[in-house]
Amino acid sequence: MDLDTFFVSCERLQDRRLIGKPVLIGGTSDRGVVASCSYEARKFGIHSAMPIRMAKQLCPEAIVIRGNSEIYTQFSQDVTAIIKDTVPLYEKASIDEFYIDLTGMDKFFGCHKLASELRQRIMKETHLPISFGLSINKTVSKIATGEAKPNNNIHIVKGNEKPFLAPLSIRKIPMVGEATYKSLCDLGVKQIKTVQDMPMQLMHRVLGKNGLSIWKKANGIDNSPVIQYRERKSISTERTFDTDTTDITKLKSILIAMTEQLAYQLRRGHKLTACITFKIRYSDFQTYTQQKRIPYSAMDQTIIPVVIDLFKTLYHRRLLVRLIGVKFSHLVEGGHQINLFDDHEKHLNLSIAIDKMRERYGDRAVINAAGMQVKNISRKNPFNGEPPPLLANRRR
């Protein structure tokens, strides 16, 4: 199930004058990017992540709204509550997308009947448009949901997965990005049917493991389970010093490194935070904390200044410091690597490039120069349940 043009739909519930008009949600400056856009705007070729200035050129009459992440989060929670109350197992893939496992429900209710009634209930209670695709696995259901939009549903009966997928563009398959699409086009592959007719070994030889995955998805094969959704409330990290210190430069350097790594964990986990907490413990074991609410973000340039400001506010006793810590809370799902409404295009490109380097060469591949003094970081309550990477040196 996927909420249609979710941010725009939420804004239209707040202001009905926006109905039927081309609406852009995102940064209001010319250097901002589009976080979401209405179907009326998409007719002009506008899409998510497009620079606002380009979108304005394509559609000068478009209405640009900075957006309100708190309202969107509340609507998402309302929809989540309805789904939780109705089905036995669901996975929240993002702020507006859900996978629901209805295995066995056909014996009692009928899967399509139950899904349709759930969709009607969501629309009635939240007034938000929502679409769904019903099939035997995640991939086919996701593609079917895209084909059902706007505000409709498609049921792919078991055994009809390949005929349904065959005429569609290869771009419809999840995980086929620009580079992969270009490689497939060079092979003359533009429709899913062509991949279905290709030997699996050829796809593996051309694209490696990614090619095998694409071949399986093109043939309607996907055994990935629906993972039970549990909302993570917070993530945090702390540093206890072997020797208590008053070295402000050292403290700030460690704070920056800790925050940078924690923010990366957010982005890697497709999460955004709206509350930053700083903790400090002095040598006499007196402990102080202070927090600040921020617009939902997972970006270093947004979060690090907040942490430093909190440090400056709390560090006033001039005593030896024993421990410092940072915590992100009020977490929500969000696959965006930028502040949805207030970051520039260059921040988006820089963040994506850095995170790609970290994914390929390790978490220490690129670090903030201000955090280079850090020798070790210990983590409490790590986001992904694994020990944190060490920040010992910068690699070039």
Protein backbone atom coordinates (compact mmCIF):
# COMPACT_ATOMS: atom_id res chain seq x y z
CA MET A 1 0.00 0.00 0.00
CA ASP A 2 1.36 3.41 -0.95
CA LEU A 3 -0.12 6.82 -0.11
CA ASP A 4 -0.46 8.84 -3.33
CA THR A 5 1.69 12.02 -3.53
CA PHE A 6 1.66 11.88 0.26
CA PHE A 7 3.13 15.28 1.15
CA VAL A 8 0.97 17.05 -1.42
CA SER A 9 -2.15 15.22 -0.22
CA CYS A 10 -1.45 16.31 3.36
CA GLU A 11 -1.03 19.92 2.25
CA ARG A 12 -4.30 19.79 0.33
CA LEU A 13 -6.11 18.66 3.46
CA GLN A 14 -4.78 21.79 5.14
CA ASP A 15 -5.60 24.08 2.20
CA ARG A 16 -8.21 22.87 -0.30
CA ARG A 17 -7.29 25.69 -2.71
CA LEU A 18 -4.31 23.53 -3.71
CA ILE A 19 -6.55 20.81 -5.17
CA GLY A 20 -6.11 20.45 -8.94
CA LYS A 21 -3.06 22.73 -9.07
CA PRO A 22 0.61 21.90 -9.74
CA VAL A 23 2.21 21.76 -6.29
CA LEU A 24 5.86 21.28 -5.35
CA ILE A 25 7.01 20.37 -1.84
CA GLY A 26 10.64 21.12 -1.04
CA GLY A 27 13.22 23.85 -0.58
CA THR A 28 11.75 27.22 -1.39
CA SER A 29 15.04 28.71 -2.63
CA ASP A 30 16.22 28.21 -6.21
CA ARG A 31 18.97 25.94 -4.86
CA GLY A 32 16.50 23.64 -3.10
CA VAL A 33 15.24 20.32 -4.41
CA VAL A 34 11.79 18.83 -4.95
CA ALA A 35 10.80 16.43 -2.15
CA SER A 36 7.39 15.65 -3.67
CA CYS A 37 5.13 16.96 -6.40
CA SER A 38 1.50 16.62 -7.49
CA TYR A 39 0.39 14.69 -10.56
CA GLU A 40 -0.48 18.04 -12.18
CA ALA A 41 3.19 19.03 -11.83
CA ARG A 42 4.45 15.67 -13.07
CA LYS A 43 2.75 16.30 -16.41
CA PHE A 44 5.46 18.93 -17.01
CA GLY A 45 8.25 16.39 -16.41
CA ILE A 46 8.88 17.34 -12.78
CA HIS A 47 9.98 14.60 -10.38
CA SER A 48 11.39 14.15 -6.89
CA ALA A 49 15.01 15.25 -6.27
CA MET A 50 14.85 17.68 -9.22
CA PRO A 51 16.32 21.14 -8.48
CA ILE A 52 13.57 23.65 -7.71
CA ARG A 53 14.94 26.09 -10.27
CA MET A 54 14.58 23.49 -13.02
CA ALA A 55 11.07 22.60 -11.86
CA LYS A 56 10.07 26.28 -12.01
CA GLN A 57 11.39 26.51 -15.55
CA LEU A 58 9.28 23.52 -16.57
CA CYS A 59 6.19 24.80 -14.77
CA PRO A 60 6.36 28.52 -13.88
CA GLU A 61 2.85 28.46 -12.37
CA ALA A 62 3.74 25.70 -9.89
CA ILE A 63 3.02 26.48 -6.23
CA VAL A 64 6.10 25.83 -4.08
CA ILE A 65 5.56 24.90 -0.43
CA ARG A 66 8.34 24.38 2.07
CA GLY A 67 6.39 21.62 3.78
CA ASN A 68 5.66 20.62 7.36
CA SER A 69 7.31 17.35 8.39
CA GLU A 70 5.43 17.19 11.70
CA ILE A 71 2.06 17.16 9.92
CA TYR A 72 3.26 14.47 7.52
CA THR A 73 4.54 12.36 10.40
CA GLN A 74 1.22 12.62 12.21
CA PHE A 75 -0.75 11.54 9.14
CA SER A 76 1.67 8.65 8.65
CA GLN A 77 1.16 7.57 12.24
CA ASP A 78 -2.62 7.72 11.76
CA VAL A 79 -2.41 5.41 8.74
CA THR A 80 0.00 3.10 10.56
CA ALA A 81 -2.40 2.83 13.50
CA ILE A 82 -5.26 1.77 11.19
CA ILE A 83 -3.11 -0.87 9.48
CA LYS A 84 -1.85 -2.16 12.82
CA ASP A 85 -5.44 -2.48 14.02
CA THR A 86 -6.51 -4.43 10.93
CA VAL A 87 -3.81 -6.86 9.81
CA PRO A 88 -1.64 -9.45 11.59
CA LEU A 89 1.72 -8.59 9.99
CA TYR A 90 2.95 -5.43 8.27
CA GLU A 91 6.22 -3.70 7.41
CA LYS A 92 6.55 0.07 7.20
CA ALA A 93 8.97 0.60 4.33
CA SER A 94 8.88 4.40 4.53
CA ILE A 95 6.75 7.24 5.84
CA ASP A 96 4.10 6.51 3.16
CA GLU A 97 4.65 2.91 2.04
CA PHE A 98 3.63 -0.38 3.67
CA TYR A 99 4.03 -4.08 2.93
CA ILE A 100 1.26 -6.25 4.41
CA ASP A 101 1.33 -10.04 4.67
CA LEU A 102 -2.17 -11.49 4.25
CA THR A 103 -1.06 -15.11 4.02
CA GLY A 104 -3.89 -17.37 5.15
CA MET A 105 -6.42 -14.57 5.38
CA ASP A 106 -8.15 -15.73 2.18
CA LYS A 107 -9.54 -18.72 4.10
CA PHE A 108 -11.50 -16.40 6.35
CA PHE A 109 -12.08 -13.06 4.60
CA GLY A 110 -10.62 -13.05 1.09
CA CYS A 111 -7.34 -11.18 0.65
CA HIS A 112 -8.56 -8.72 -1.98
CA LYS A 113 -11.74 -8.02 -0.02
CA LEU A 114 -9.76 -7.37 3.17
CA ALA A 115 -7.22 -5.15 1.38
CA SER A 116 -10.00 -3.17 -0.31
CA GLU A 117 -11.85 -2.66 2.96
CA LEU A 118 -8.61 -1.53 4.63
CA ARG A 119 -7.99 0.96 1.82
CA GLN A 120 -11.54 2.32 2.15
CA ARG A 121 -11.13 2.70 5.89
CA ILE A 122 -7.86 4.60 5.51
CA MET A 123 -9.42 6.97 2.97
CA LYS A 124 -12.53 7.48 5.12
CA GLU A 125 -10.70 8.15 8.38
CA THR A 126 -7.71 10.15 7.07
CA HIS A 127 -9.12 11.53 3.75
CA LEU A 128 -5.83 10.54 2.10
CA PRO A 129 -5.72 8.80 -1.30
CA ILE A 130 -3.95 5.43 -1.21
CA SER A 131 -3.24 2.68 -3.74
CA PHE A 132 -2.31 -0.97 -3.39
CA GLY A 133 -1.09 -3.91 -5.39
CA LEU A 134 -1.96 -7.44 -4.27
CA SER A 135 0.20 -10.39 -5.36
CA ILE A 136 2.26 -13.29 -4.04
CA ASN A 137 5.41 -11.25 -3.25
CA LYS A 138 6.88 -7.83 -2.48
CA THR A 139 8.32 -7.00 -5.90
CA VAL A 140 5.20 -7.68 -7.93
CA SER A 141 3.01 -5.93 -5.33
CA LYS A 142 5.23 -2.83 -5.38
CA ILE A 143 5.21 -2.62 -9.17
CA ALA A 144 1.46 -3.26 -9.25
CA THR A 145 0.92 -0.45 -6.74
CA GLY A 146 2.78 1.93 -9.03
CA GLU A 147 0.62 0.85 -11.96
CA ALA A 148 -2.55 1.26 -9.86
CA LYS A 149 -1.85 4.90 -9.04
CA PRO A 150 -3.47 7.29 -8.69
CA ASN A 151 -5.86 6.14 -5.97
CA ASN A 152 -6.70 2.64 -7.19
CA ASN A 153 -5.72 -1.01 -6.79
CA ILE A 154 -4.57 -3.97 -8.87
CA HIS A 155 -4.82 -7.67 -8.02
CA ILE A 156 -2.30 -9.92 -9.76
CA VAL A 157 -3.65 -13.47 -9.48
CA LYS A 158 -1.06 -16.15 -8.72
CA GLY A 159 0.45 -17.42 -11.96
CA ASN A 160 -0.06 -14.13 -13.84
CA GLU A 161 3.08 -12.40 -12.52
CA LYS A 162 5.16 -12.76 -15.70
CA PRO A 163 2.39 -11.69 -18.14
CA PHE A 164 1.68 -8.65 -15.95
CA LEU A 165 5.33 -7.61 -15.81
CA ALA A 166 6.28 -8.41 -19.42
CA PRO A 167 5.12 -5.21 -21.23
CA LEU A 168 6.40 -2.83 -18.55
CA SER A 169 9.60 -0.80 -18.74
CA ILE A 170 12.65 -2.31 -17.09
CA ARG A 171 12.79 0.89 -15.00
CA LYS A 172 9.71 -0.35 -13.13
CA ILE A 173 11.82 -2.98 -11.36
CA PRO A 174 13.01 -1.81 -7.93
CA MET A 175 16.81 -1.31 -7.76
CA VAL A 176 17.16 -0.48 -11.49
CA GLY A 177 18.73 2.99 -11.39
CA GLU A 178 20.16 5.24 -14.08
CA ALA A 179 23.48 3.39 -14.47
CA THR A 180 21.86 -0.07 -14.58
CA TYR A 181 19.18 1.15 -16.98
CA LYS A 182 21.86 2.52 -19.31
CA SER A 183 23.76 -0.78 -19.22
CA LEU A 184 20.58 -2.67 -20.07
CA CYS A 185 19.68 -0.23 -22.86
CA ASP A 186 23.15 -0.81 -24.35
CA LEU A 187 22.12 -4.47 -24.57
CA GLY A 188 18.85 -3.50 -26.23
CA VAL A 189 16.86 -4.25 -23.08
CA LYS A 190 14.05 -1.80 -22.39
CA GLN A 191 11.09 -4.01 -21.53
CA ILE A 192 10.86 -6.54 -18.72
CA LYS A 193 9.82 -9.20 -21.26
CA THR A 194 13.29 -9.03 -22.82
CA VAL A 195 14.90 -9.86 -19.48
CA GLN A 196 12.41 -12.71 -18.98
CA ASP A 197 13.57 -14.20 -22.28
CA MET A 198 17.28 -13.78 -21.49
CA PRO A 199 19.32 -16.59 -19.91
CA MET A 200 19.97 -15.96 -16.23
CA GLN A 201 23.68 -16.61 -16.82
CA LEU A 202 23.87 -13.73 -19.31
CA MET A 203 22.40 -11.27 -16.79
CA HIS A 204 24.90 -12.52 -14.24
CA ARG A 205 27.80 -12.13 -16.67
CA VAL A 206 26.80 -8.55 -17.57
CA LEU A 207 25.70 -7.17 -14.18
CA GLY A 208 27.01 -9.68 -11.62
CA LYS A 209 24.88 -10.41 -8.56
CA ASN A 210 22.74 -7.39 -9.36
CA GLY A 211 21.93 -8.97 -12.71
CA LEU A 212 20.73 -12.16 -11.02
CA SER A 213 18.49 -10.18 -8.71
CA ILE A 214 17.01 -8.19 -11.62
CA TRP A 215 16.40 -11.40 -13.60
CA LYS A 216 14.50 -12.94 -10.66
CA LYS A 217 12.41 -9.82 -10.10
CA ALA A 218 11.63 -9.60 -13.83
CA ASN A 219 10.31 -13.15 -13.64
CA GLY A 220 8.18 -12.38 -10.61
CA ILE A 221 10.47 -14.23 -8.17
CA ASP A 222 10.98 -12.63 -4.76
CA ASN A 223 11.17 -14.64 -1.54
CA SER A 224 11.95 -11.73 0.80
CA PRO A 225 9.61 -11.79 3.81
CA VAL A 226 7.50 -9.01 5.27
CA ILE A 227 9.46 -7.94 8.35
CA GLN A 228 7.41 -7.09 11.42
CA TYR A 229 7.45 -3.34 11.95
CA ARG A 230 8.75 -1.96 15.24
CA GLU A 231 9.30 1.74 15.68
CA ARG A 232 12.81 2.57 16.88
CA LYS A 233 12.58 5.39 19.39
CA SER A 234 16.16 6.65 19.53
CA ILE A 235 19.83 5.98 18.82
CA SER A 236 22.73 7.26 20.88
CA THR A 237 26.48 7.13 21.40
CA GLU A 238 28.67 8.05 24.38
CA ARG A 239 32.39 8.52 25.06
CA THR A 240 33.91 7.96 28.51
CA PHE A 241 37.45 9.31 28.77
CA ASP A 242 40.33 7.32 30.26
CA THR A 243 41.54 10.61 31.71
CA ASP A 244 39.12 13.42 32.52
CA THR A 245 39.74 16.49 30.37
CA THR A 246 39.04 20.20 29.95
CA ASP A 247 40.47 20.34 26.42
CA ILE A 248 37.63 22.11 24.57
CA THR A 249 39.19 21.50 21.16
CA LYS A 250 39.39 17.79 21.88
CA LEU A 251 35.83 17.68 23.20
CA LYS A 252 34.44 19.43 20.13
CA SER A 253 36.42 17.17 17.80
CA ILE A 254 35.04 14.06 19.47
CA LEU A 255 31.51 15.47 19.44
CA ILE A 256 31.71 16.17 15.71
CA ALA A 257 33.01 12.67 14.99
CA MET A 258 30.33 11.06 17.16
CA THR A 259 27.56 13.11 15.56
CA GLU A 260 28.83 12.49 12.05
CA GLN A 261 28.88 8.72 12.58
CA LEU A 262 25.46 8.71 14.23
CA ALA A 263 23.97 10.75 11.36
CA TYR A 264 25.43 8.29 8.87
CA GLN A 265 23.78 5.46 10.78
CA LEU A 266 20.49 7.35 10.41
CA ARG A 267 20.87 7.68 6.65
CA ARG A 268 21.96 4.08 6.26
CA GLY A 269 18.90 3.00 8.24
CA HIS A 270 16.60 5.29 6.21
CA LYS A 271 15.70 7.33 9.30
CA LEU A 272 15.28 10.99 10.16
CA THR A 273 15.50 12.60 13.60
CA ALA A 274 13.63 15.58 15.03
CA CYS A 275 15.20 15.80 18.49
CA ILE A 276 18.89 16.15 19.42
CA THR A 277 20.09 15.54 22.99
CA PHE A 278 23.56 16.31 24.36
CA LYS A 279 24.82 14.75 27.60
CA ILE A 280 27.83 15.73 29.71
CA ARG A 281 29.19 14.22 32.94
CA TYR A 282 31.82 15.98 35.01
CA SER A 283 34.55 14.42 37.14
CA ASP A 284 32.37 14.80 40.25
CA PHE A 285 29.75 12.62 38.45
CA GLN A 286 27.27 15.46 38.10
CA THR A 287 25.43 14.79 34.84
CA TYR A 288 23.52 17.28 32.70
CA THR A 289 21.50 16.89 29.51
CA GLN A 290 19.80 19.29 27.16
CA GLN A 291 17.82 18.71 24.01
CA LYS A 292 16.55 20.68 21.04
CA ARG A 293 13.86 19.99 18.47
CA ILE A 294 14.79 20.42 14.80
CA PRO A 295 13.04 19.88 11.47
CA TYR A 296 13.37 16.21 10.49
CA SER A 297 16.84 15.62 9.13
CA ALA A 298 19.74 13.18 8.85
CA MET A 299 22.24 15.67 7.45
CA ASP A 300 25.59 16.48 9.05
CA GLN A 301 25.47 20.18 8.24
CA THR A 302 22.09 20.46 9.97
CA ILE A 303 22.77 18.35 13.06
CA ILE A 304 26.42 19.08 13.94
CA PRO A 305 25.87 22.85 14.62
CA VAL A 306 22.97 21.95 16.93
CA VAL A 307 25.15 19.55 18.93
CA ILE A 308 27.93 22.14 19.23
CA ASP A 309 25.46 24.79 20.41
CA LEU A 310 24.12 22.41 23.07
CA PHE A 311 27.69 21.72 24.19
CA LYS A 312 28.43 25.44 24.51
CA THR A 313 25.25 25.87 26.53
CA LEU A 314 26.00 23.10 29.03
CA TYR A 315 29.78 23.33 29.34
CA HIS A 316 30.13 26.23 31.74
CA ARG A 317 31.47 24.76 34.99
CA ARG A 318 35.05 24.55 33.75
CA LEU A 319 35.44 21.21 35.57
CA LEU A 320 37.11 18.12 34.21
CA VAL A 321 34.80 16.24 31.86
CA ARG A 322 34.38 12.48 32.33
CA LEU A 323 31.80 11.64 29.64
CA ILE A 324 29.97 13.17 26.70
CA GLY A 325 27.14 11.70 24.65
CA VAL A 326 24.75 12.42 21.78
CA LYS A 327 21.28 10.98 21.23
CA PHE A 328 18.85 11.29 18.32
CA SER A 329 15.19 10.65 19.12
CA HIS A 330 11.72 11.16 17.58
CA LEU A 331 12.87 8.98 14.70
CA VAL A 332 10.72 8.44 11.63
CA GLU A 333 11.11 6.40 8.48
CA GLY A 334 12.49 8.38 5.56
CA GLY A 335 14.68 7.26 2.69
CA HIS A 336 15.88 10.79 2.06
CA GLN A 337 19.48 11.66 2.75
CA ILE A 338 18.76 15.36 3.09
CA ASN A 339 16.59 17.66 5.10
CA LEU A 340 13.47 17.36 2.97
CA PHE A 341 12.65 21.03 2.88
CA ASP A 342 15.69 23.19 3.55
CA ASP A 343 18.80 21.75 1.91
CA HIS A 344 20.46 22.80 -1.31
CA GLU A 345 21.13 20.71 -4.35
CA LYS A 346 24.88 20.72 -3.62
CA HIS A 347 24.23 19.29 -0.15
CA LEU A 348 22.22 16.46 -1.68
CA ASN A 349 24.93 15.62 -4.22
CA LEU A 350 27.73 15.89 -1.64
CA SER A 351 25.92 13.70 0.89
CA ILE A 352 25.13 11.01 -1.68
CA ALA A 353 28.74 10.99 -2.95
CA ILE A 354 30.22 10.72 0.56
CA ASP A 355 27.85 7.97 1.65
CA LYS A 356 28.59 6.00 -1.53
CA MET A 357 32.30 6.18 -0.72
CA ARG A 358 31.62 4.99 2.83
CA GLU A 359 29.49 2.10 1.58
CA ARG A 360 32.20 1.05 -0.84
CA TYR A 361 35.37 1.69 1.17
CA GLY A 362 34.14 1.62 4.76
CA ASP A 363 32.76 4.05 7.32
CA ARG A 364 36.18 5.68 7.77
CA ALA A 365 36.70 6.46 4.11
CA VAL A 366 35.57 10.08 4.52
CA ILE A 367 35.36 11.97 7.81
CA ASN A 368 34.96 15.58 8.90
CA ALA A 369 38.38 17.20 9.27
CA ALA A 370 37.30 18.69 12.61
CA GLY A 371 36.88 15.15 13.98
CA MET A 372 40.29 13.79 12.95
CA GLN A 373 41.70 13.83 16.50
CA VAL A 374 39.39 11.01 17.56
CA LYS A 375 41.13 7.72 18.32
CA ASN A 376 38.13 5.65 19.36
CA ILE A 377 34.40 5.89 19.78
CA SER A 378 32.33 3.59 21.97
CA ARG A 379 28.65 3.35 21.24
CA LYS A 380 25.63 2.79 23.44
CA ASN A 381 22.45 1.48 21.83
CA PRO A 382 23.85 1.31 18.26
CA PHE A 383 21.27 1.76 15.54
CA ASN A 384 21.91 -1.45 13.69
CA GLY A 385 22.90 -3.65 16.63
CA GLU A 386 26.55 -3.76 15.52
CA PRO A 387 29.65 -2.21 17.09
CA PRO A 388 30.49 1.19 15.65
CA PRO A 389 33.35 1.84 13.27
CA LEU A 390 36.46 3.49 14.67
CA LEU A 391 37.51 6.89 13.43
CA ALA A 392 41.26 6.68 13.60
CA ASN A 393 42.49 8.37 10.44
CA ARG A 394 41.26 10.07 7.34
CA ARG A 395 41.73 8.19 4.08
CA ARG A 396 42.20 9.94 0.79
